[in-house]
Amino acid sequence: MRLSKLALALSLTSLATTVFAAPAYYRFPSIRGDAVVFTAEGDLWKVASSGGQAQRLTSHPAAEVLPAISQDGKWLAFSAAYEGATEAYVMPMAGGVPKRISFENDQVSVLGWTANGEVLVTTLNSTGPASHRIIAAINPQTLMRRVFPVADANEAVLDDSGKYLYFTRFGLHMTNDNAKQYRGGATAQVWRYDVQAKTEATQLFADDKSNNRRPMLWKGKLYFISDRNGAFNIWSANPDGTDARVLTQHKEWEVRNPSIADGKIAYQLGADLHVLDIGSAKDQTLTIDLVSDFDQQRKRQIKNPMEYVSNIEIAGKEERLLFTARGRLSIAGSGPQRRIDLPVPENARAREAVFSHDDKSVYAIVDTTGENEIWKFPANGLGKPEVLTSNGDVHRYRIIPSPDGKWLAHTDKRGRLWLLDLASKTNQVIDDAGKIGAERQEEVIWSPDSKTIAIVRADNKLQRPQIGLYSLESKQILFVTSDRYNSHAPVFSPMDAGCIFTRNAISRSATVPPGVTAIWDRISRSVLACTRLLCRRGTASPSRPTMS
């Protein structure tokens, strides 16, 4: 009997140890003294700066994010959507009821504390016809708010003297865009504003074209993150922006959400938290144990499975459907065929899956490597999948297989159209819509003989969609419709190389000519005229479009 109790106790101890050591996703660290507060499972937790068992601070169903510990270590500010909009709240570090300190009815992000005990936040301005980001300091006791006169600022820190405000303007982080090495008009910039002199703010690192953001201050030094070496890492500089030096050298994952206090910087790297000691340059990964029931990991009944289906494709030769749901791929048919679950790797997600030309394979975009790569799966579920690409540094949109099974056309977020040769595995760009500011090709259609690709996108700054025909033989694209009208929905006829499409050719008040099939466009309130473009084989160029 005693042996049975001992065995039971040991088994329970083993189970508890497994639960405590379960990995979690840690975000938004804030450090002060020996404490680090962070977000996990949508709640706030506190752990020692050396790691260990974490203590849950909040338990509300709404998510608490962006914690910031006050300079005296007694208070904690954070953002939460307790009552609809995301607002700023404060609570004692020892625990207690959160107190709401902002009433913007908008997205309020907590940035930190000032030396005077104010909470720095960023939100949209609540006055005037145009909206832009502002930086404000809120007194948590009186709820008085003062707004700093800096435009389009979204991150900021005020030095202890209250003289200089360092802030970030723009940046793709405002739209949750994860594009790497972005160098466009929304590049993040660090500025310095003299609060007391009230002169114009000056841009630091003005000659540097990379993204510089998240300013932090410690002992007369400016710390920030920059992607000037390829990925976001922690840098230091003088307060005027001179003598910039890199402190971390991460490449696979980028530094996110850093906070600084007492000579240490806590930051997020992937799903882990790190603490960098500035003096010794020691960088430590925190080992954190969450004491939790991990309710989000519990298996539960799905009442309506179709709510989780993100994509459905129809097979071309058999009565089968390809489903994408929660990153997994399954094939099901109407007959006695079994359901086939394709072998997507355990820690990966698949999307935008399509059948091959003969239905024997499935192509999908998989994120196993952390990037967007195209994989090939056997449609019968037998055998190992094959990785077809290796350069997915940009979000891929769609996969369009050719009818002859020799090519894969695919698009990405930079507006590029790629062509993958399935035999040689060579992958090349055949069209770049990003050069004229277009994010993607609206439509990509193969001709039945797999020799021509019809592309729908704008060809100039007017941004009106046109039909372009790309020839695999000449490797050139020819736009065959005018920029005077919106042209779309190209379809190749099966008998010859004719291309049929629609265009906004007639205003609503106009009289529809005899013989024209008119379709009302509810958005533009115009008539869609069905047009036929003859592309005879052996001709140097397509004929002029004719109404049909």
Foldseek 3Di string as FASTA:
>chain_A
DVVVVVVVVVVVVVVQVCQQQDDWFWAQWEDADQWIWTFTPLFIWIAGQQADEIHTQDDDPWGWHNWEAANVRFKIKTWTCPPHAIFIWMDTPVHDDIDTLDDQNYHKGWAYAALVGWTWIKTWDPDDDDIAIWIWTARRVVSDIDTQPDTQWHHWDADRVRFKIKTKHFDPVVVPDDAWFDQDPRAIWIWIAGRVVRDDIGTAPVVDRWHWHRWDDDPQKIWTWTCSVGATFIWIAGPRNPPIDTLDDDDLWHWDNWYDYPQWIWTDTGRWIWIARNVVSDIDTHSYTYPDPPVVPDDDDDPDQVVQWDDWEADDPAQKIWTFGPQWIWIDGDDPDDIATACQDPPKGWDQWYAALNNQKIWTFICPSVFTWIKITGNNNDDDIGTLDDPRSFAWDHWDHANVRQWIWTKTQQAWIWIAGPVVSDIDTLDGPNVQPDRYFPDWDAANVRQKIWTWWDDHVVGATFIWIAGPVVSDIDTQDDSVWHKDDWDADNPFRKIKIKIQDFAQPDDDDPPWDWDADVPVRGTITIWMWADGPPDPDIDHIDGD
